[in-house]
Amino acid sequence: MKDVTLIAPCFFGVEKTLKREIENLGYEIQKVEDGRVTFKTDNYGICKSNLWLRTAERVLLKVGEFEARSFEELFQNTKKLPWHKYIKKDAVFPVSKASSIKSKLYSVPDIQSIVKKAVVENLKQEYKVNWFDENSDEKYPIYVFIHKDKVTISIDTCGQALHKRGYRENASKAPIRETLAAALVSLTPWKQDRILVDPFCGSGTILIEAAMMGLNMAPGLNREFLSENWSILGKKLWWKARKEAFEMMKTDVDFKIYGYDIDDEVLEIAKENARLADVDNYIKFEKQDARDLKSDYEYGFVITNPPYGERLEDKDSVKQLYKEISLPFKKLDTWSFYIITAYNEFEDAFGRKADRKRKLYNGMLRSDLYQYYGPKPSKK
């Protein structure tokens, strides 16, 4: 497979950020849709995309696309696809996930069953066998996505979702997902030579993702991927991609970012997560109430995911908290603030209109990123 088409699903609102990531890897964008970006690459691109994409949830290898308004059409069109190019004779190929939106075919179990039968029939003809043991270490999970009767069929290359970086063995309550945390940092002009603070750091995810970006550390460097066992890729290709990623890390950087929380237990979790991510030397965690936030630095960034109701007893306490943190934030009048919350009356409680508000989703939870821009540092 010299040329392949990959699909990278993502959270709603992150598509442009993901598109930029893919372009920075040097790959050609084919299509940007709600919650997914499709792009062209090659076999090596499968490895690099898994290792480097910070805001994608998965990397799916596209097998084919067609329209189907009946199960017969679904069966016949799936059967026509070149499955032998991807799936070896003794490989495991479950139909792991199917979803249908605004389509005539809506029964997920039936969709999965029909697609599985079609793939089996295709491979039986190709390999001249009547039975597949499916007992190999090679696994090719098939994904089916149907939207307005258009069927897209792909194979998962990741295994565990990409937000599973391998460093967050423990998490505080209501943690932000790693991919969204990376998107939040990417949506700011923060660079490693500027101060970064998260006054509600929780398990440290936002700061850990920022430190990895500051070090140019590939987010998938410390985990394994399903496609590492694929014979169509080979161990050498993966080894080459990992070696390249190691060599691209910055080793001569000196920066500090700061995380504060009022919970000692949560701070210990954050410290351990940073250690597992190998960025603990770049993050300083301390016990501090966000209402006491202050800094001797003239310029800096706050990127944070404060409580928004689900983690506190009632909305009144959330409103009071936002009102109280506005006072120390106001004193840092040359700083920039990026605050994500699902509390839709945030600006009223905070007492200040955002310079920009961006709609994002944390899973299925609608949130907004409130952006307050400080002045650019003077060039001295």
Protein backbone atom coordinates (compact mmCIF):
# COMPACT_ATOMS: atom_id res chain seq x y z
CA MET A 1 0.00 0.00 0.00
CA LYS A 2 1.95 2.99 -1.24
CA ASP A 3 -0.94 5.44 -1.04
CA VAL A 4 -3.54 5.17 1.70
CA THR A 5 -6.41 7.31 2.90
CA LEU A 6 -6.72 7.87 6.63
CA ILE A 7 -9.60 9.24 8.68
CA ALA A 8 -8.88 10.99 11.98
CA PRO A 9 -11.98 11.43 14.18
CA CYS A 10 -11.86 14.23 16.77
CA PHE A 11 -14.03 16.16 19.19
CA PHE A 12 -16.46 18.64 17.63
CA GLY A 13 -14.82 22.06 17.45
CA VAL A 14 -11.27 20.69 17.11
CA GLU A 15 -11.34 19.99 13.36
CA LYS A 16 -9.27 23.04 12.29
CA THR A 17 -6.63 22.32 14.91
CA LEU A 18 -6.37 18.70 13.79
CA LYS A 19 -6.24 19.77 10.14
CA ARG A 20 -3.25 21.99 10.93
CA GLU A 21 -1.51 19.12 12.73
CA ILE A 22 -1.94 16.84 9.72
CA GLU A 23 -0.68 19.51 7.33
CA ASN A 24 2.36 20.03 9.56
CA LEU A 25 3.15 16.34 9.10
CA GLY A 26 3.17 17.00 5.35
CA TYR A 27 0.02 15.12 4.39
CA GLU A 28 -2.68 16.14 1.92
CA ILE A 29 -6.08 17.02 3.37
CA GLN A 30 -8.96 15.53 1.41
CA LYS A 31 -11.94 16.52 3.49
CA VAL A 32 -12.80 18.25 6.76
CA GLU A 33 -16.18 17.33 8.26
CA ASP A 34 -17.82 17.65 11.66
CA GLY A 35 -15.76 15.49 14.00
CA ARG A 36 -13.34 14.05 11.41
CA VAL A 37 -10.56 14.90 8.97
CA THR A 38 -9.73 12.70 5.96
CA PHE A 39 -6.25 12.83 4.44
CA LYS A 40 -3.87 11.07 2.03
CA THR A 41 -0.56 9.54 3.05
CA ASP A 42 1.41 6.28 2.77
CA ASN A 43 2.25 3.32 5.02
CA TYR A 44 4.81 5.35 6.94
CA GLY A 45 2.12 7.96 7.50
CA ILE A 46 0.08 5.41 9.44
CA CYS A 47 2.92 5.12 11.95
CA LYS A 48 3.65 8.84 12.11
CA SER A 49 -0.01 9.82 12.45
CA ASN A 50 -0.47 7.49 15.42
CA LEU A 51 2.67 8.78 17.10
CA TRP A 52 2.23 12.52 16.45
CA LEU A 53 -1.44 13.51 16.24
CA ARG A 54 -2.29 15.20 19.53
CA THR A 55 -5.96 16.08 18.97
CA ALA A 56 -7.20 13.04 16.99
CA GLU A 57 -9.14 10.34 18.81
CA ARG A 58 -8.14 7.57 16.41
CA VAL A 59 -6.44 6.93 13.08
CA LEU A 60 -8.64 4.85 10.79
CA LEU A 61 -7.50 3.29 7.52
CA LYS A 62 -10.22 3.92 4.95
CA VAL A 63 -11.19 0.83 2.93
CA GLY A 64 -14.08 2.21 0.92
CA GLU A 65 -17.14 4.43 0.64
CA PHE A 66 -20.50 3.88 -1.07
CA GLU A 67 -24.23 4.47 -0.72
CA ALA A 68 -26.57 1.85 0.75
CA ARG A 69 -30.28 2.09 1.46
CA SER A 70 -30.86 -1.62 1.99
CA PHE A 71 -29.00 -4.44 3.68
CA GLU A 72 -28.52 -6.10 0.30
CA GLU A 73 -26.75 -2.99 -1.00
CA LEU A 74 -24.66 -2.88 2.18
CA PHE A 75 -23.68 -6.55 1.73
CA GLN A 76 -22.84 -6.38 -1.97
CA ASN A 77 -20.90 -3.12 -1.83
CA THR A 78 -18.92 -4.22 1.22
CA LYS A 79 -18.11 -7.52 -0.47
CA LYS A 80 -16.68 -5.68 -3.51
CA LEU A 81 -14.02 -3.88 -1.45
CA PRO A 82 -10.39 -5.09 -1.69
CA TRP A 83 -10.20 -6.67 1.77
CA HIS A 84 -7.30 -8.94 0.86
CA LYS A 85 -5.05 -5.89 0.54
CA TYR A 86 -5.34 -5.40 4.28
CA ILE A 87 -6.44 -8.59 6.02
CA LYS A 88 -4.26 -11.69 5.99
CA LYS A 89 -5.62 -15.23 5.88
CA ASP A 90 -5.40 -16.03 9.61
CA ALA A 91 -5.98 -12.47 10.92
CA VAL A 92 -8.70 -11.42 13.35
CA PHE A 93 -11.23 -8.97 11.87
CA PRO A 94 -14.17 -8.11 14.15
CA VAL A 95 -16.68 -5.43 13.18
CA SER A 96 -15.91 -3.50 16.35
CA LYS A 97 -18.04 -0.43 15.88
CA ALA A 98 -20.91 0.78 13.75
CA SER A 99 -22.92 3.99 13.87
CA SER A 100 -25.74 5.33 11.76
CA ILE A 101 -27.03 8.91 11.52
CA LYS A 102 -30.05 10.02 9.48
CA SER A 103 -29.96 6.82 7.37
CA LYS A 104 -32.41 4.14 6.30
CA LEU A 105 -30.16 1.48 7.84
CA TYR A 106 -30.15 2.16 11.56
CA SER A 107 -29.93 -1.18 13.40
CA VAL A 108 -26.31 -1.32 14.61
CA PRO A 109 -26.25 -5.10 15.36
CA ASP A 110 -27.66 -5.86 11.89
CA ILE A 111 -25.16 -3.51 10.22
CA GLN A 112 -22.29 -5.23 12.03
CA SER A 113 -23.54 -8.68 11.15
CA ILE A 114 -24.06 -7.90 7.44
CA VAL A 115 -20.63 -6.27 7.09
CA LYS A 116 -18.94 -9.21 8.81
CA LYS A 117 -20.63 -11.70 6.46
CA ALA A 118 -19.65 -9.64 3.42
CA VAL A 119 -15.98 -9.47 4.46
CA VAL A 120 -15.93 -13.22 5.16
CA GLU A 121 -17.43 -13.98 1.74
CA ASN A 122 -14.90 -11.73 0.02
CA LEU A 123 -11.93 -13.35 1.76
CA LYS A 124 -13.27 -16.88 1.23
CA GLN A 125 -13.18 -16.27 -2.51
CA GLU A 126 -9.77 -14.61 -2.36
CA TYR A 127 -8.03 -17.24 -0.21
CA LYS A 128 -10.01 -20.27 -1.51
CA VAL A 129 -11.06 -21.41 1.97
CA ASN A 130 -14.38 -22.07 3.69
CA TRP A 131 -13.42 -21.14 7.24
CA PHE A 132 -11.30 -18.55 9.07
CA ASP A 133 -9.84 -19.48 12.44
CA GLU A 134 -8.98 -15.85 13.27
CA ASN A 135 -6.25 -16.90 15.69
CA SER A 136 -3.43 -14.57 14.66
CA ASP A 137 -1.77 -11.74 16.62
CA GLU A 138 -2.79 -9.48 13.75
CA LYS A 139 -6.08 -7.77 14.47
CA TYR A 140 -8.02 -5.52 12.09
CA PRO A 141 -11.05 -4.00 13.86
CA ILE A 142 -13.55 -2.81 11.25
CA TYR A 143 -15.44 0.47 11.76
CA VAL A 144 -18.67 1.30 9.89
CA PHE A 145 -19.98 4.86 9.75
CA ILE A 146 -23.25 5.62 7.93
CA HIS A 147 -24.41 9.20 7.46
CA LYS A 148 -27.38 10.06 5.23
CA ASP A 149 -27.10 6.62 3.59
CA LYS A 150 -23.41 7.10 2.71
CA VAL A 151 -21.35 4.24 4.14
CA THR A 152 -17.69 4.67 5.09
CA ILE A 153 -15.82 1.53 6.09
CA SER A 154 -12.41 1.65 7.72
CA ILE A 155 -9.97 -0.33 9.85
CA ASP A 156 -8.72 0.91 13.21
CA THR A 157 -4.92 1.25 13.35
CA CYS A 158 -4.65 2.27 17.03
CA GLY A 159 -6.13 -0.27 19.40
CA GLN A 160 -6.70 1.91 22.42
CA ALA A 161 -7.90 5.41 21.55
CA LEU A 162 -5.18 8.01 21.02
CA HIS A 163 -6.04 9.95 24.18
CA LYS A 164 -4.59 6.97 26.05
CA ARG A 165 -1.05 8.34 26.08
CA GLY A 166 0.12 5.91 28.75
CA TYR A 167 0.80 8.45 31.51
CA ARG A 168 -2.56 8.90 33.21
CA GLU A 169 -2.96 5.76 35.30
CA ASN A 170 -4.86 7.78 37.88
CA ALA A 171 -7.18 10.72 37.34
CA SER A 172 -8.98 13.23 39.52
CA LYS A 173 -12.74 13.72 39.35
CA ALA A 174 -14.10 14.98 36.02
CA PRO A 175 -10.75 14.92 34.18
CA ILE A 176 -10.35 16.59 30.84
CA ARG A 177 -9.36 14.20 28.06
CA GLU A 178 -5.76 14.41 26.87
CA THR A 179 -6.72 15.18 23.27
CA LEU A 180 -8.93 18.09 24.30
CA ALA A 181 -6.24 19.37 26.67
CA ALA A 182 -3.77 19.37 23.77
CA ALA A 183 -6.31 21.25 21.65
CA LEU A 184 -6.71 23.91 24.34
CA VAL A 185 -2.96 24.54 24.39
CA SER A 186 -2.84 24.55 20.57
CA LEU A 187 -5.57 27.21 20.47
CA THR A 188 -3.34 29.64 22.37
CA PRO A 189 -0.13 31.38 21.26
CA TRP A 190 1.73 29.92 24.27
CA LYS A 191 5.38 28.99 23.69
CA GLN A 192 7.79 27.36 26.13
CA ASP A 193 9.54 30.68 26.82
CA ARG A 194 6.32 32.07 28.40
CA ILE A 195 4.89 31.32 31.83
CA LEU A 196 1.91 28.95 31.88
CA VAL A 197 -0.34 28.37 34.89
CA ASP A 198 -3.32 26.11 35.55
CA PRO A 199 -4.89 27.17 38.87
CA PHE A 200 -7.34 24.21 38.77
CA CYS A 201 -4.79 21.66 37.57
CA GLY A 202 -6.52 18.48 38.81
CA SER A 203 -4.56 15.49 37.53
CA GLY A 204 -2.30 17.81 35.52
CA THR A 205 -3.46 16.92 32.02
CA ILE A 206 -3.38 20.39 30.45
CA LEU A 207 0.11 21.10 31.79
CA ILE A 208 1.47 17.69 30.84
CA GLU A 209 0.22 18.11 27.27
CA ALA A 210 1.77 21.59 27.16
CA ALA A 211 5.11 20.28 28.42
CA MET A 212 5.11 17.53 25.78
CA MET A 213 4.45 20.15 23.12
CA GLY A 214 7.21 22.37 24.49
CA LEU A 215 9.64 19.45 24.25
CA ASN A 216 8.35 18.42 20.81
CA MET A 217 7.63 15.02 22.34
CA ALA A 218 5.38 12.79 20.24
CA PRO A 219 2.29 12.05 22.36
CA GLY A 220 2.24 8.38 21.32
CA LEU A 221 5.88 7.73 22.08
CA ASN A 222 5.27 5.81 25.32
CA ARG A 223 2.51 3.46 24.21
CA GLU A 224 1.85 0.62 21.78
CA PHE A 225 -0.44 0.50 18.76
CA LEU A 226 -2.48 -2.29 17.23
CA SER A 227 -0.96 -1.83 13.77
CA GLU A 228 2.55 -2.51 15.08
CA ASN A 229 1.66 -6.21 14.58
CA TRP A 230 0.43 -5.76 11.01
CA SER A 231 2.52 -7.57 8.42
CA ILE A 232 1.45 -4.97 5.81
CA LEU A 233 3.46 -2.39 7.77
CA GLY A 234 6.24 -4.34 9.43
CA LYS A 235 8.25 -3.75 12.61
CA LYS A 236 11.00 -1.88 10.74
CA LEU A 237 8.66 0.88 9.63
CA TRP A 238 7.42 1.41 13.17
CA TRP A 239 10.97 1.34 14.52
CA LYS A 240 11.97 3.99 12.00
CA ALA A 241 9.05 6.23 13.03
CA ARG A 242 9.85 5.88 16.74
CA LYS A 243 13.55 6.54 16.18
CA GLU A 244 12.72 9.67 14.20
CA ALA A 245 10.37 10.86 16.96
CA PHE A 246 13.06 10.37 19.63
CA GLU A 247 15.58 12.32 17.58
CA MET A 248 13.14 15.21 17.09
CA MET A 249 12.71 15.81 20.83
CA LYS A 250 14.24 19.01 22.17
CA THR A 251 16.78 18.33 24.90
CA ASP A 252 18.17 21.82 25.48
CA VAL A 253 15.02 23.60 26.64
CA ASP A 254 14.57 25.17 30.06
CA PHE A 255 11.05 26.16 30.98
CA LYS A 256 8.69 25.87 33.91
CA ILE A 257 4.95 25.65 34.02
CA TYR A 258 2.89 25.74 37.19
CA GLY A 259 -0.10 23.77 38.44
CA TYR A 260 -2.13 24.60 41.55
CA ASP A 261 -4.91 22.76 43.35
CA ILE A 262 -6.36 22.72 46.88
CA ASP A 263 -6.44 18.91 47.13
CA ASP A 264 -3.22 17.21 48.33
CA GLU A 265 -4.29 13.82 46.97
CA VAL A 266 -5.05 15.27 43.54
CA LEU A 267 -1.66 17.00 43.45
CA GLU A 268 0.10 13.69 44.15
CA ILE A 269 -1.77 12.14 41.23
CA ALA A 270 -0.71 15.04 39.00
CA LYS A 271 2.95 14.66 40.04
CA GLU A 272 2.87 10.93 39.32
CA ASN A 273 1.24 11.47 35.93
CA ALA A 274 3.93 14.02 35.02
CA ARG A 275 6.60 11.55 36.08
CA LEU A 276 5.08 8.80 33.93
CA ALA A 277 4.96 11.23 31.00
CA ASP A 278 8.63 12.05 31.61
CA VAL A 279 7.92 15.79 31.93
CA ASP A 280 8.03 16.15 35.73
CA ASN A 281 11.17 18.33 35.56
CA TYR A 282 9.21 20.98 33.65
CA ILE A 283 6.10 21.28 35.82
CA LYS A 284 5.91 22.62 39.37
CA PHE A 285 2.82 21.53 41.31
CA GLU A 286 1.85 23.34 44.51
CA LYS A 287 -1.11 23.51 46.85
CA GLN A 288 -2.87 26.81 46.35
CA ASP A 289 -6.41 28.13 46.11
CA ALA A 290 -7.21 29.69 42.72
CA ARG A 291 -8.64 32.67 44.62
CA ASP A 292 -5.10 33.41 45.81
CA LEU A 293 -3.53 33.37 42.35
CA LYS A 294 -0.71 35.87 41.87
CA SER A 295 2.59 36.08 40.01
CA ASP A 296 5.74 38.18 39.87
CA TYR A 297 5.90 37.66 36.11
CA GLU A 298 4.60 40.54 34.01
CA TYR A 299 3.26 38.35 31.18
CA GLY A 300 1.86 34.85 31.22
CA PHE A 301 -0.92 32.47 30.27
CA VAL A 302 -3.65 30.75 32.26
CA ILE A 303 -5.22 27.71 30.60
CA THR A 304 -7.68 25.97 32.88
CA ASN A 305 -10.73 23.75 33.23
CA PRO A 306 -12.43 24.95 36.45
CA PRO A 307 -15.37 23.24 38.18
CA TYR A 308 -18.65 23.89 36.36
CA GLY A 309 -21.43 22.30 38.41
CA GLU A 310 -21.00 18.57 37.91
CA ARG A 311 -18.11 18.65 40.36
CA LEU A 312 -19.71 21.00 42.91
CA GLU A 313 -22.95 20.70 44.83
CA ASP A 314 -24.93 23.36 43.02
CA LYS A 315 -24.81 26.11 40.44
CA ASP A 316 -24.79 28.84 43.07
CA SER A 317 -21.44 27.68 44.44
CA VAL A 318 -20.03 27.62 40.89
CA LYS A 319 -21.25 31.14 40.24
CA GLN A 320 -19.71 32.32 43.50
CA LEU A 321 -16.40 30.63 42.69
CA TYR A 322 -16.21 32.30 39.26
CA LYS A 323 -17.01 35.65 40.85
CA GLU A 324 -14.23 35.20 43.43
CA ILE A 325 -11.52 34.12 40.97
CA SER A 326 -12.22 37.17 38.82
CA LEU A 327 -10.53 39.38 41.42
CA PRO A 328 -7.00 37.86 41.29
CA PHE A 329 -7.35 37.34 37.53
CA LYS A 330 -8.16 41.04 37.11
CA LYS A 331 -4.93 41.99 38.87
CA LEU A 332 -2.94 40.03 36.27
CA ASP A 333 -3.98 42.58 33.68
CA THR A 334 -1.15 41.82 31.24
CA TRP A 335 -1.86 38.07 31.22
CA SER A 336 -3.99 36.03 28.80
CA PHE A 337 -6.68 33.67 30.08
CA TYR A 338 -8.22 30.63 28.37
CA ILE A 339 -11.01 29.11 30.47
CA ILE A 340 -13.14 26.15 29.35
CA THR A 341 -16.42 25.49 31.11
CA ALA A 342 -19.87 24.07 30.49
CA TYR A 343 -21.39 26.75 32.74
CA ASN A 344 -23.15 28.96 30.21
CA GLU A 345 -23.41 32.02 32.46
CA PHE A 346 -19.66 32.19 33.02
CA GLU A 347 -19.16 35.72 31.67
CA ASP A 348 -21.83 37.14 33.97
CA ALA A 349 -20.29 35.46 37.00
CA PHE A 350 -16.74 36.37 35.98
CA GLY A 351 -17.82 39.96 35.42
CA ARG A 352 -16.08 40.33 32.10
CA LYS A 353 -16.97 39.68 28.47
CA ALA A 354 -14.55 37.37 26.67
CA ASP A 355 -12.57 38.68 23.71
CA ARG A 356 -13.60 35.50 21.93
CA LYS A 357 -15.79 32.52 22.78
CA ARG A 358 -15.23 29.20 21.03
CA LYS A 359 -17.62 26.24 21.13
CA LEU A 360 -15.98 22.93 22.04
CA TYR A 361 -17.15 19.53 23.21
CA ASN A 362 -15.69 17.48 26.07
CA GLY A 363 -17.04 14.14 24.89
CA MET A 364 -20.73 14.89 24.37
CA LEU A 365 -20.73 17.76 26.85
CA ARG A 366 -21.10 21.17 25.20
CA SER A 367 -18.53 23.62 26.57
CA ASP A 368 -17.17 27.03 25.67
CA LEU A 369 -13.59 28.25 25.65
CA TYR A 370 -13.58 31.84 26.94
CA GLN A 371 -10.54 33.69 25.64
CA TYR A 372 -9.20 36.86 27.25
CA TYR A 373 -6.22 38.36 25.46
CA GLY A 374 -3.47 40.24 27.27
CA PRO A 375 -1.08 42.62 25.50
CA LYS A 376 1.93 41.24 23.65
CA PRO A 377 5.18 41.51 25.63
CA SER A 378 7.28 44.51 24.69
CA LYS A 379 10.38 43.68 22.65
CA LYS A 380 13.30 44.47 24.93
